Amino acid sequence: MAAATRVAQGALMGAANIVPGVSGGTIALMFGIYERLIGAIRDGARALARFARGDVRGGIDRLRSVEWDLLLPLAAGALITVVVLAGFLESGLEDHPEAMAGLFLGLVAASIVVSWRLPDWDGPRLALMAAVGVALFAALGWQTGPVADPSPLALFGAGAVAICAMILPGLSGSFLLLMFGMYEAILTVIDDRMIGDAIVFGVGALLGLALFASLLTRLLELHRDTMLAVLIGLMVGSLRVLWPWPNGVGVIGDTADASTPGTGLEWPPAGDLPVPLLLAVTAFAVVLAVERLARSRP
């Protein structure tokens, strides 16, 4: 396939990963390249592991087995899209936080519906999903707002955790950043070209991918339904953060008032409801349409 086509596919995956609730893995499934992408990531991770152990020759041999003609164009397209979209999303979060929260709410709600079809549900898995969702919902009630000035360690950890979502259809890295209050900070790093912070985040992402890609894939192979139940529980619990009116949009928009002990759930004035609701419904429909395209692909 032409490199330009791969770049375009990577651009769509990058756009999906930067918007909470939409997974680049789902887009890869839609294009029929998910298994090849995971295989290439595994080979790259194994090469890094060989280098870390001092096995230079083994690392080079592993690098030769990586499907670079797939990875490099996809990475280039994703990087271009992330840089272009970061400024628009950051401005939207600052100027229209309720509308953006409504948009993200619809995206994540649709991802829950899509992901619900993946596991083979039974009583224990339903109970685990509910427990995880309730625990996260309660814990997010004490989150006072986004991280305004993250430390290098926080940036490193955010990169390591968020990148793992790239290999999981239905769960985006942006969703994890949003849940941990790091989403707007990372958008600022990208949009303002904060090279030092971007390098720290990127190193965390690279090491996180190398360390966790094989582990997460292995867990999904051995305990697929249980792991998916946990992930769905996380998405359900996160809806508390995405509700457009938690104490003035505490986690999504501006940093919450320090006097506020946690993230409340306020009901908006009637006049403020239509736009976020319309965006939520539209986003919900778009994700379901993308997922239907993925399932209809032979």
C-alpha atoms as a PDB file:
ATOM      1  CA  MET A   1       0.000   0.000   0.000  1.00  0.00           C
ATOM      2  CA  ALA A   2       1.266   3.504  -0.811  1.00  0.00           C
ATOM      3  CA  ALA A   3       3.009   5.367   1.992  1.00  0.00           C
ATOM      4  CA  ALA A   4       0.589   8.284   1.547  1.00  0.00           C
ATOM      5  CA  THR A   5      -2.329   5.987   2.365  1.00  0.00           C
ATOM      6  CA  ARG A   6      -0.563   4.760   5.512  1.00  0.00           C
ATOM      7  CA  VAL A   7       0.124   8.357   6.541  1.00  0.00           C
ATOM      8  CA  ALA A   8      -3.579   9.144   6.105  1.00  0.00           C
ATOM      9  CA  GLN A   9      -4.497   6.112   8.225  1.00  0.00           C
ATOM     10  CA  GLY A  10      -2.023   7.250  10.870  1.00  0.00           C
ATOM     11  CA  ALA A  11      -3.549  10.727  10.810  1.00  0.00           C
ATOM     12  CA  LEU A  12      -6.982   9.266  11.555  1.00  0.00           C
ATOM     13  CA  MET A  13      -5.511   7.128  14.347  1.00  0.00           C
ATOM     14  CA  GLY A  14      -3.768  10.177  15.800  1.00  0.00           C
ATOM     15  CA  ALA A  15      -6.996  12.154  15.713  1.00  0.00           C
ATOM     16  CA  ALA A  16      -8.770   9.290  17.452  1.00  0.00           C
ATOM     17  CA  ASN A  17      -6.146   9.000  20.178  1.00  0.00           C
ATOM     18  CA  ILE A  18      -6.088  12.713  21.016  1.00  0.00           C
ATOM     19  CA  VAL A  19      -9.862  12.835  21.553  1.00  0.00           C
ATOM     20  CA  PRO A  20     -10.964  11.147  24.802  1.00  0.00           C
ATOM     21  CA  GLY A  21     -13.211   8.162  24.274  1.00  0.00           C
ATOM     22  CA  VAL A  22     -12.072   7.254  20.771  1.00  0.00           C
ATOM     23  CA  SER A  23      -9.368   4.627  20.393  1.00  0.00           C
ATOM     24  CA  GLY A  24      -6.719   4.501  17.713  1.00  0.00           C
ATOM     25  CA  GLY A  25      -6.954   0.732  18.101  1.00  0.00           C
ATOM     26  CA  THR A  26     -10.549   0.867  16.883  1.00  0.00           C
ATOM     27  CA  ILE A  27      -9.438   2.787  13.784  1.00  0.00           C
ATOM     28  CA  ALA A  28      -6.692   0.205  13.174  1.00  0.00           C
ATOM     29  CA  LEU A  29      -9.318  -2.533  13.399  1.00  0.00           C
ATOM     30  CA  MET A  30     -11.450  -0.685  10.879  1.00  0.00           C
ATOM     31  CA  PHE A  31      -8.553  -0.584   8.382  1.00  0.00           C
ATOM     32  CA  GLY A  32      -7.661  -4.236   9.002  1.00  0.00           C
ATOM     33  CA  ILE A  33      -4.138  -3.485  10.292  1.00  0.00           C
ATOM     34  CA  TYR A  34      -4.604  -3.987  14.039  1.00  0.00           C
ATOM     35  CA  GLU A  35      -2.859  -7.370  14.322  1.00  0.00           C
ATOM     36  CA  ARG A  36       0.043  -6.215  12.146  1.00  0.00           C
ATOM     37  CA  LEU A  37       0.383  -3.054  14.247  1.00  0.00           C
ATOM     38  CA  ILE A  38       0.468  -5.023  17.498  1.00  0.00           C
ATOM     39  CA  GLY A  39       3.032  -7.398  16.006  1.00  0.00           C
ATOM     40  CA  ALA A  40       5.266  -4.504  14.955  1.00  0.00           C
ATOM     41  CA  ILE A  41       4.995  -2.917  18.422  1.00  0.00           C
ATOM     42  CA  ARG A  42       5.891  -6.233  20.054  1.00  0.00           C
ATOM     43  CA  ASP A  43       8.957  -6.629  17.838  1.00  0.00           C
ATOM     44  CA  GLY A  44      10.083  -3.107  18.640  1.00  0.00           C
ATOM     45  CA  ALA A  45       9.582  -3.671  22.366  1.00  0.00           C
ATOM     46  CA  ARG A  46      11.570  -6.896  22.233  1.00  0.00           C
ATOM     47  CA  ALA A  47      14.388  -5.113  20.397  1.00  0.00           C
ATOM     48  CA  LEU A  48      14.554  -2.473  23.145  1.00  0.00           C
ATOM     49  CA  ALA A  49      14.601  -5.235  25.747  1.00  0.00           C
ATOM     50  CA  ARG A  50      17.582  -6.861  23.995  1.00  0.00           C
ATOM     51  CA  PHE A  51      19.451  -3.544  23.921  1.00  0.00           C
ATOM     52  CA  ALA A  52      18.669  -2.970  27.618  1.00  0.00           C
ATOM     53  CA  ARG A  53      20.266  -6.340  28.427  1.00  0.00           C
ATOM     54  CA  GLY A  54      23.390  -5.427  26.449  1.00  0.00           C
ATOM     55  CA  ASP A  55      22.578  -7.776  23.569  1.00  0.00           C
ATOM     56  CA  VAL A  56      23.327  -5.337  20.754  1.00  0.00           C
ATOM     57  CA  ARG A  57      23.409  -7.944  17.978  1.00  0.00           C
ATOM     58  CA  GLY A  58      20.113  -9.467  19.142  1.00  0.00           C
ATOM     59  CA  GLY A  59      18.570  -6.010  19.339  1.00  0.00           C
ATOM     60  CA  ILE A  60      19.637  -5.191  15.784  1.00  0.00           C
ATOM     61  CA  ASP A  61      18.235  -8.507  14.554  1.00  0.00           C
ATOM     62  CA  ARG A  62      14.928  -7.734  16.270  1.00  0.00           C
ATOM     63  CA  LEU A  63      14.853  -4.243  14.747  1.00  0.00           C
ATOM     64  CA  ARG A  64      15.201  -5.790  11.289  1.00  0.00           C
ATOM     65  CA  SER A  65      12.074  -7.836  11.920  1.00  0.00           C
ATOM     66  CA  VAL A  66       9.970  -4.740  12.730  1.00  0.00           C
ATOM     67  CA  GLU A  67       7.523  -3.838   9.966  1.00  0.00           C
ATOM     68  CA  TRP A  68       8.879  -0.323   9.525  1.00  0.00           C
ATOM     69  CA  ASP A  69       6.988   0.336   6.287  1.00  0.00           C
ATOM     70  CA  LEU A  70       3.832   0.089   8.401  1.00  0.00           C
ATOM     71  CA  LEU A  71       4.986   1.777  11.611  1.00  0.00           C
ATOM     72  CA  LEU A  72       6.826   4.824  10.268  1.00  0.00           C
ATOM     73  CA  PRO A  73       4.068   6.209   7.980  1.00  0.00           C
ATOM     74  CA  LEU A  74       1.450   5.569  10.659  1.00  0.00           C
ATOM     75  CA  ALA A  75       3.595   7.352  13.265  1.00  0.00           C
ATOM     76  CA  ALA A  76       4.203  10.293  10.917  1.00  0.00           C
ATOM     77  CA  GLY A  77       0.504  10.728  10.194  1.00  0.00           C
ATOM     78  CA  ALA A  78      -0.411  10.457  13.869  1.00  0.00           C
ATOM     79  CA  LEU A  79       2.230  13.019  14.901  1.00  0.00           C
ATOM     80  CA  ILE A  80       1.060  15.537  12.306  1.00  0.00           C
ATOM     81  CA  THR A  81      -2.555  15.253  13.433  1.00  0.00           C
ATOM     82  CA  VAL A  82      -1.707  15.503  17.135  1.00  0.00           C
ATOM     83  CA  VAL A  83       0.278  18.706  16.581  1.00  0.00           C
ATOM     84  CA  VAL A  84      -2.452  20.244  14.414  1.00  0.00           C
ATOM     85  CA  LEU A  85      -5.387  19.343  16.679  1.00  0.00           C
ATOM     86  CA  ALA A  86      -3.791  20.144  20.034  1.00  0.00           C
ATOM     87  CA  GLY A  87      -4.300  23.901  19.689  1.00  0.00           C
ATOM     88  CA  PHE A  88      -7.962  23.574  18.691  1.00  0.00           C
ATOM     89  CA  LEU A  89      -8.732  21.251  21.595  1.00  0.00           C
ATOM     90  CA  GLU A  90      -6.871  23.421  24.109  1.00  0.00           C
ATOM     91  CA  SER A  91      -8.781  26.513  22.959  1.00  0.00           C
ATOM     92  CA  GLY A  92     -12.054  24.617  23.133  1.00  0.00           C
ATOM     93  CA  LEU A  93     -11.356  23.476  26.695  1.00  0.00           C
ATOM     94  CA  GLU A  94     -10.566  27.030  27.778  1.00  0.00           C
ATOM     95  CA  ASP A  95     -13.342  28.864  25.922  1.00  0.00           C
ATOM     96  CA  HIS A  96     -16.159  26.284  25.807  1.00  0.00           C
ATOM     97  CA  PRO A  97     -15.527  23.777  28.619  1.00  0.00           C
ATOM     98  CA  GLU A  98     -19.139  22.630  29.011  1.00  0.00           C
ATOM     99  CA  ALA A  99     -19.521  22.005  25.280  1.00  0.00           C
ATOM    100  CA  MET A 100     -16.227  20.085  25.141  1.00  0.00           C
ATOM    101  CA  ALA A 101     -17.217  18.046  28.180  1.00  0.00           C
ATOM    102  CA  GLY A 102     -20.502  17.163  26.484  1.00  0.00           C
ATOM    103  CA  LEU A 103     -18.586  16.076  23.381  1.00  0.00           C
ATOM    104  CA  PHE A 104     -16.247  13.864  25.430  1.00  0.00           C
ATOM    105  CA  LEU A 105     -19.172  12.470  27.417  1.00  0.00           C
ATOM    106  CA  GLY A 106     -20.809  11.228  24.228  1.00  0.00           C
ATOM    107  CA  LEU A 107     -17.561   9.736  22.956  1.00  0.00           C
ATOM    108  CA  VAL A 108     -16.855   7.762  26.131  1.00  0.00           C
ATOM    109  CA  ALA A 109     -20.485   6.664  26.540  1.00  0.00           C
ATOM    110  CA  ALA A 110     -20.407   5.264  23.007  1.00  0.00           C
ATOM    111  CA  SER A 111     -17.099   3.542  23.711  1.00  0.00           C
ATOM    112  CA  ILE A 112     -18.726   1.825  26.693  1.00  0.00           C
ATOM    113  CA  VAL A 113     -21.507   0.551  24.429  1.00  0.00           C
ATOM    114  CA  VAL A 114     -18.962  -0.660  21.847  1.00  0.00           C
ATOM    115  CA  SER A 115     -16.739  -2.312  24.465  1.00  0.00           C
ATOM    116  CA  TRP A 116     -19.711  -3.961  26.187  1.00  0.00           C
ATOM    117  CA  ARG A 117     -19.990  -6.394  23.270  1.00  0.00           C
ATOM    118  CA  LEU A 118     -16.398  -7.599  23.600  1.00  0.00           C
ATOM    119  CA  PRO A 119     -16.270  -9.709  26.811  1.00  0.00           C
ATOM    120  CA  ASP A 120     -18.186 -12.865  27.587  1.00  0.00           C
ATOM    121  CA  TRP A 121     -20.138 -11.593  30.589  1.00  0.00           C
ATOM    122  CA  ASP A 122     -20.925 -13.638  33.678  1.00  0.00           C
ATOM    123  CA  GLY A 123     -21.850 -12.797  37.275  1.00  0.00           C
ATOM    124  CA  PRO A 124     -18.302 -12.316  38.662  1.00  0.00           C
ATOM    125  CA  ARG A 125     -17.219 -10.156  35.732  1.00  0.00           C
ATOM    126  CA  LEU A 126     -20.309  -7.972  35.995  1.00  0.00           C
ATOM    127  CA  ALA A 127     -19.643  -7.578  39.712  1.00  0.00           C
ATOM    128  CA  LEU A 128     -15.991  -6.694  39.048  1.00  0.00           C
ATOM    129  CA  MET A 129     -16.957  -4.143  36.410  1.00  0.00           C
ATOM    130  CA  ALA A 130     -19.497  -2.556  38.766  1.00  0.00           C
ATOM    131  CA  ALA A 131     -17.029  -2.481  41.672  1.00  0.00           C
ATOM    132  CA  VAL A 132     -14.333  -0.826  39.570  1.00  0.00           C
ATOM    133  CA  GLY A 133     -16.812   1.712  38.191  1.00  0.00           C
ATOM    134  CA  VAL A 134     -18.234   2.623  41.602  1.00  0.00           C
ATOM    135  CA  ALA A 135     -14.764   2.860  43.179  1.00  0.00           C
ATOM    136  CA  LEU A 136     -13.463   5.175  40.454  1.00  0.00           C
ATOM    137  CA  PHE A 137     -16.663   7.243  40.450  1.00  0.00           C
ATOM    138  CA  ALA A 138     -16.291   7.800  44.208  1.00  0.00           C
ATOM    139  CA  ALA A 139     -12.547   8.480  43.999  1.00  0.00           C
ATOM    140  CA  LEU A 140     -12.992  11.096  41.276  1.00  0.00           C
ATOM    141  CA  GLY A 141     -15.339  12.962  43.610  1.00  0.00           C
ATOM    142  CA  TRP A 142     -12.251  14.079  45.519  1.00  0.00           C
ATOM    143  CA  GLN A 143     -10.265  15.175  42.480  1.00  0.00           C
ATOM    144  CA  THR A 144     -10.087  18.949  42.687  1.00  0.00           C
ATOM    145  CA  GLY A 145      -9.070  19.703  39.126  1.00  0.00           C
ATOM    146  CA  PRO A 146      -6.488  19.264  36.394  1.00  0.00           C
ATOM    147  CA  VAL A 147      -2.760  19.278  37.060  1.00  0.00           C
ATOM    148  CA  ALA A 148      -1.786  22.823  36.106  1.00  0.00           C
ATOM    149  CA  ASP A 149       2.018  22.496  36.181  1.00  0.00           C
ATOM    150  CA  PRO A 150       2.996  18.812  36.115  1.00  0.00           C
ATOM    151  CA  SER A 151       6.423  17.755  37.370  1.00  0.00           C
ATOM    152  CA  PRO A 152       8.815  15.841  35.086  1.00  0.00           C
ATOM    153  CA  LEU A 153       7.942  12.664  36.987  1.00  0.00           C
ATOM    154  CA  ALA A 154       4.226  13.257  36.357  1.00  0.00           C
ATOM    155  CA  LEU A 155       4.879  13.867  32.656  1.00  0.00           C
ATOM    156  CA  PHE A 156       6.993  10.715  32.443  1.00  0.00           C
ATOM    157  CA  GLY A 157       4.304   8.639  34.178  1.00  0.00           C
ATOM    158  CA  ALA A 158       1.543  10.119  32.038  1.00  0.00           C
ATOM    159  CA  GLY A 159       3.387   9.124  28.876  1.00  0.00           C
ATOM    160  CA  ALA A 160       4.056   5.607  30.167  1.00  0.00           C
ATOM    161  CA  VAL A 161       0.413   5.006  31.113  1.00  0.00           C
ATOM    162  CA  ALA A 162      -1.322   6.752  28.219  1.00  0.00           C
ATOM    163  CA  ILE A 163       0.661   5.006  25.481  1.00  0.00           C
ATOM    164  CA  CYS A 164      -0.527   1.603  26.696  1.00  0.00           C
ATOM    165  CA  ALA A 165      -4.075   2.492  25.665  1.00  0.00           C
ATOM    166  CA  MET A 166      -2.945   2.631  22.038  1.00  0.00           C
ATOM    167  CA  ILE A 167      -2.987  -1.165  21.840  1.00  0.00           C
ATOM    168  CA  LEU A 168      -6.442  -1.518  23.416  1.00  0.00           C
ATOM    169  CA  PRO A 169      -9.447  -0.932  21.137  1.00  0.00           C
ATOM    170  CA  GLY A 170     -12.120   1.021  23.004  1.00  0.00           C
ATOM    171  CA  LEU A 171      -9.730   2.791  25.397  1.00  0.00           C
ATOM    172  CA  SER A 172      -7.786   5.880  24.317  1.00  0.00           C
ATOM    173  CA  GLY A 173      -4.684   7.388  25.857  1.00  0.00           C
ATOM    174  CA  SER A 174      -6.422  10.758  25.979  1.00  0.00           C
ATOM    175  CA  PHE A 175      -9.154   9.198  28.121  1.00  0.00           C
ATOM    176  CA  LEU A 176      -6.543   8.081  30.669  1.00  0.00           C
ATOM    177  CA  LEU A 177      -4.882  11.505  30.657  1.00  0.00           C
ATOM    178  CA  LEU A 178      -8.261  13.130  31.208  1.00  0.00           C
ATOM    179  CA  MET A 179      -9.065  10.765  34.069  1.00  0.00           C
ATOM    180  CA  PHE A 180      -5.769  11.633  35.781  1.00  0.00           C
ATOM    181  CA  GLY A 181      -6.173  15.390  35.259  1.00  0.00           C
ATOM    182  CA  MET A 182      -3.246  15.574  32.801  1.00  0.00           C
ATOM    183  CA  TYR A 183      -5.102  16.043  29.517  1.00  0.00           C
ATOM    184  CA  GLU A 184      -5.044  19.840  29.249  1.00  0.00           C
ATOM    185  CA  ALA A 185      -1.448  20.007  30.485  1.00  0.00           C
ATOM    186  CA  ILE A 186      -0.295  17.654  27.715  1.00  0.00           C
ATOM    187  CA  LEU A 187      -2.216  19.656  25.099  1.00  0.00           C
ATOM    188  CA  THR A 188      -0.375  22.760  26.325  1.00  0.00           C
ATOM    189  CA  VAL A 189       2.975  20.983  26.031  1.00  0.00           C
ATOM    190  CA  ILE A 190       2.215  20.038  22.420  1.00  0.00           C
ATOM    191  CA  ASP A 191       0.616  23.308  21.323  1.00  0.00           C
ATOM    192  CA  ASP A 192       3.245  25.564  22.931  1.00  0.00           C
ATOM    193  CA  ARG A 193       6.120  23.418  21.623  1.00  0.00           C
ATOM    194  CA  MET A 194       7.534  22.864  25.122  1.00  0.00           C
ATOM    195  CA  ILE A 195      10.337  20.662  23.830  1.00  0.00           C
ATOM    196  CA  GLY A 196      11.803  19.630  27.183  1.00  0.00           C
ATOM    197  CA  ASP A 197       8.457  18.544  28.616  1.00  0.00           C
ATOM    198  CA  ALA A 198       7.572  16.830  25.337  1.00  0.00           C
ATOM    199  CA  ILE A 199      10.812  14.837  25.455  1.00  0.00           C
ATOM    200  CA  VAL A 200      10.111  13.699  29.033  1.00  0.00           C
ATOM    201  CA  PHE A 201       6.574  12.666  28.044  1.00  0.00           C
ATOM    202  CA  GLY A 202       7.887  10.923  24.920  1.00  0.00           C
ATOM    203  CA  VAL A 203      10.558   8.988  26.810  1.00  0.00           C
ATOM    204  CA  GLY A 204       7.898   7.838  29.283  1.00  0.00           C
ATOM    205  CA  ALA A 205       5.703   6.752  26.372  1.00  0.00           C
ATOM    206  CA  LEU A 206       8.557   4.860  24.704  1.00  0.00           C
ATOM    207  CA  LEU A 207       9.580   3.029  27.870  1.00  0.00           C
ATOM    208  CA  GLY A 208       5.967   2.379  28.833  1.00  0.00           C
ATOM    209  CA  LEU A 209       5.290   0.839  25.453  1.00  0.00           C
ATOM    210  CA  ALA A 210       8.429  -1.287  25.656  1.00  0.00           C
ATOM    211  CA  LEU A 211       7.649  -2.512  29.181  1.00  0.00           C
ATOM    212  CA  PHE A 212       3.886  -2.906  29.058  1.00  0.00           C
ATOM    213  CA  ALA A 213       2.954  -3.743  25.451  1.00  0.00           C
ATOM    214  CA  SER A 214       3.817  -7.425  25.762  1.00  0.00           C
ATOM    215  CA  LEU A 215       2.427  -7.590  29.315  1.00  0.00           C
ATOM    216  CA  LEU A 216      -0.921  -6.049  28.407  1.00  0.00           C
ATOM    217  CA  THR A 217      -1.233  -8.210  25.327  1.00  0.00           C
ATOM    218  CA  ARG A 218      -0.390 -11.290  27.391  1.00  0.00           C
ATOM    219  CA  LEU A 219      -2.976 -10.394  30.044  1.00  0.00           C
ATOM    220  CA  LEU A 220      -5.586  -9.957  27.345  1.00  0.00           C
ATOM    221  CA  GLU A 221      -4.639 -13.353  25.923  1.00  0.00           C
ATOM    222  CA  LEU A 222      -4.829 -15.129  29.299  1.00  0.00           C
ATOM    223  CA  HIS A 223      -7.629 -13.165  31.007  1.00  0.00           C
ATOM    224  CA  ARG A 224      -9.252 -11.295  28.133  1.00  0.00           C
ATOM    225  CA  ASP A 225     -12.805 -11.066  29.461  1.00  0.00           C
ATOM    226  CA  THR A 226     -11.736 -10.144  32.992  1.00  0.00           C
ATOM    227  CA  MET A 227      -9.367  -7.419  31.749  1.00  0.00           C
ATOM    228  CA  LEU A 228     -12.046  -6.013  29.462  1.00  0.00           C
ATOM    229  CA  ALA A 229     -14.498  -5.943  32.380  1.00  0.00           C
ATOM    230  CA  VAL A 230     -11.994  -3.872  34.382  1.00  0.00           C
ATOM    231  CA  LEU A 231     -11.445  -1.473  31.469  1.00  0.00           C
ATOM    232  CA  ILE A 232     -15.183  -1.008  30.974  1.00  0.00           C
ATOM    233  CA  GLY A 233     -15.549  -0.340  34.696  1.00  0.00           C
ATOM    234  CA  LEU A 234     -12.910   2.398  34.393  1.00  0.00           C
ATOM    235  CA  MET A 235     -14.827   4.012  31.538  1.00  0.00           C
ATOM    236  CA  VAL A 236     -18.109   3.862  33.460  1.00  0.00           C
ATOM    237  CA  GLY A 237     -16.560   5.445  36.557  1.00  0.00           C
ATOM    238  CA  SER A 238     -14.905   8.172  34.496  1.00  0.00           C
ATOM    239  CA  LEU A 239     -18.269   9.577  33.432  1.00  0.00           C
ATOM    240  CA  ARG A 240     -18.223  11.575  36.662  1.00  0.00           C
ATOM    241  CA  VAL A 241     -15.300  13.597  35.289  1.00  0.00           C
ATOM    242  CA  LEU A 242     -16.952  14.031  31.905  1.00  0.00           C
ATOM    243  CA  TRP A 243     -20.310  15.334  33.131  1.00  0.00           C
ATOM    244  CA  PRO A 244     -20.243  18.932  31.841  1.00  0.00           C
ATOM    245  CA  TRP A 245     -21.189  20.559  35.136  1.00  0.00           C
ATOM    246  CA  PRO A 246     -19.008  19.200  37.983  1.00  0.00           C
ATOM    247  CA  ASN A 247     -18.538  22.348  40.104  1.00  0.00           C
ATOM    248  CA  GLY A 248     -17.947  24.531  37.092  1.00  0.00           C
ATOM    249  CA  VAL A 249     -16.386  21.808  34.969  1.00  0.00           C
ATOM    250  CA  GLY A 250     -13.707  21.117  37.548  1.00  0.00           C
ATOM    251  CA  VAL A 251     -11.631  18.470  35.792  1.00  0.00           C
ATOM    252  CA  ILE A 252     -12.286  19.311  32.148  1.00  0.00           C
ATOM    253  CA  GLY A 253     -12.018  23.072  32.096  1.00  0.00           C
ATOM    254  CA  ASP A 254     -10.272  25.570  34.311  1.00  0.00           C
ATOM    255  CA  THR A 255      -8.660  24.384  37.494  1.00  0.00           C
ATOM    256  CA  ALA A 256     -11.307  23.903  40.144  1.00  0.00           C
ATOM    257  CA  ASP A 257     -11.649  26.324  42.996  1.00  0.00           C
ATOM    258  CA  ALA A 258      -9.309  25.246  45.783  1.00  0.00           C
ATOM    259  CA  SER A 259     -12.108  25.802  48.276  1.00  0.00           C
ATOM    260  CA  THR A 260     -14.156  23.074  46.616  1.00  0.00           C
ATOM    261  CA  PRO A 261     -13.431  19.732  48.321  1.00  0.00           C
ATOM    262  CA  GLY A 262     -14.178  17.570  45.322  1.00  0.00           C
ATOM    263  CA  THR A 263     -15.895  17.155  41.991  1.00  0.00           C
ATOM    264  CA  GLY A 264     -19.609  17.626  42.546  1.00  0.00           C
ATOM    265  CA  LEU A 265     -22.418  16.872  40.130  1.00  0.00           C
ATOM    266  CA  GLU A 266     -24.523  19.947  39.482  1.00  0.00           C
ATOM    267  CA  TRP A 267     -27.597  20.144  37.250  1.00  0.00           C
ATOM    268  CA  PRO A 268     -27.257  22.995  34.720  1.00  0.00           C
ATOM    269  CA  PRO A 269     -29.725  25.788  34.019  1.00  0.00           C
ATOM    270  CA  ALA A 270     -32.074  24.786  31.227  1.00  0.00           C
ATOM    271  CA  GLY A 271     -30.536  27.289  28.832  1.00  0.00           C
ATOM    272  CA  ASP A 272     -27.067  25.760  29.193  1.00  0.00           C
ATOM    273  CA  LEU A 273     -28.127  22.201  28.375  1.00  0.00           C
ATOM    274  CA  PRO A 274     -28.847  22.090  24.585  1.00  0.00           C
ATOM    275  CA  VAL A 275     -25.346  22.567  23.115  1.00  0.00           C
ATOM    276  CA  PRO A 276     -23.490  20.006  25.310  1.00  0.00           C
ATOM    277  CA  LEU A 277     -26.392  17.584  24.896  1.00  0.00           C
ATOM    278  CA  LEU A 278     -26.377  17.962  21.102  1.00  0.00           C
ATOM    279  CA  LEU A 279     -22.606  17.441  20.958  1.00  0.00           C
ATOM    280  CA  ALA A 280     -22.862  14.395  23.214  1.00  0.00           C
ATOM    281  CA  VAL A 281     -25.532  12.788  21.027  1.00  0.00           C
ATOM    282  CA  THR A 282     -23.590  13.593  17.834  1.00  0.00           C
ATOM    283  CA  ALA A 283     -20.336  12.179  19.238  1.00  0.00           C
ATOM    284  CA  PHE A 284     -22.173   9.072  20.436  1.00  0.00           C
ATOM    285  CA  ALA A 285     -23.590   8.497  16.943  1.00  0.00           C
ATOM    286  CA  VAL A 286     -20.228   9.046  15.212  1.00  0.00           C
ATOM    287  CA  VAL A 287     -18.405   6.488  17.388  1.00  0.00           C
ATOM    288  CA  LEU A 288     -21.127   3.897  16.823  1.00  0.00           C
ATOM    289  CA  ALA A 289     -20.949   4.537  13.081  1.00  0.00           C
ATOM    290  CA  VAL A 290     -17.150   4.040  13.075  1.00  0.00           C
ATOM    291  CA  GLU A 291     -17.520   0.842  15.095  1.00  0.00           C
ATOM    292  CA  ARG A 292     -20.157  -0.462  12.664  1.00  0.00           C
ATOM    293  CA  LEU A 293     -17.775   0.153   9.766  1.00  0.00           C
ATOM    294  CA  ALA A 294     -15.091  -1.795  11.624  1.00  0.00           C
ATOM    295  CA  ARG A 295     -17.434  -4.751  12.264  1.00  0.00           C
ATOM    296  CA  SER A 296     -18.727  -4.782   8.674  1.00  0.00           C
ATOM    297  CA  ARG A 297     -15.237  -5.021   7.225  1.00  0.00           C
ATOM    298  CA  PRO A 298     -14.617  -8.568   5.897  1.00  0.00           C
END
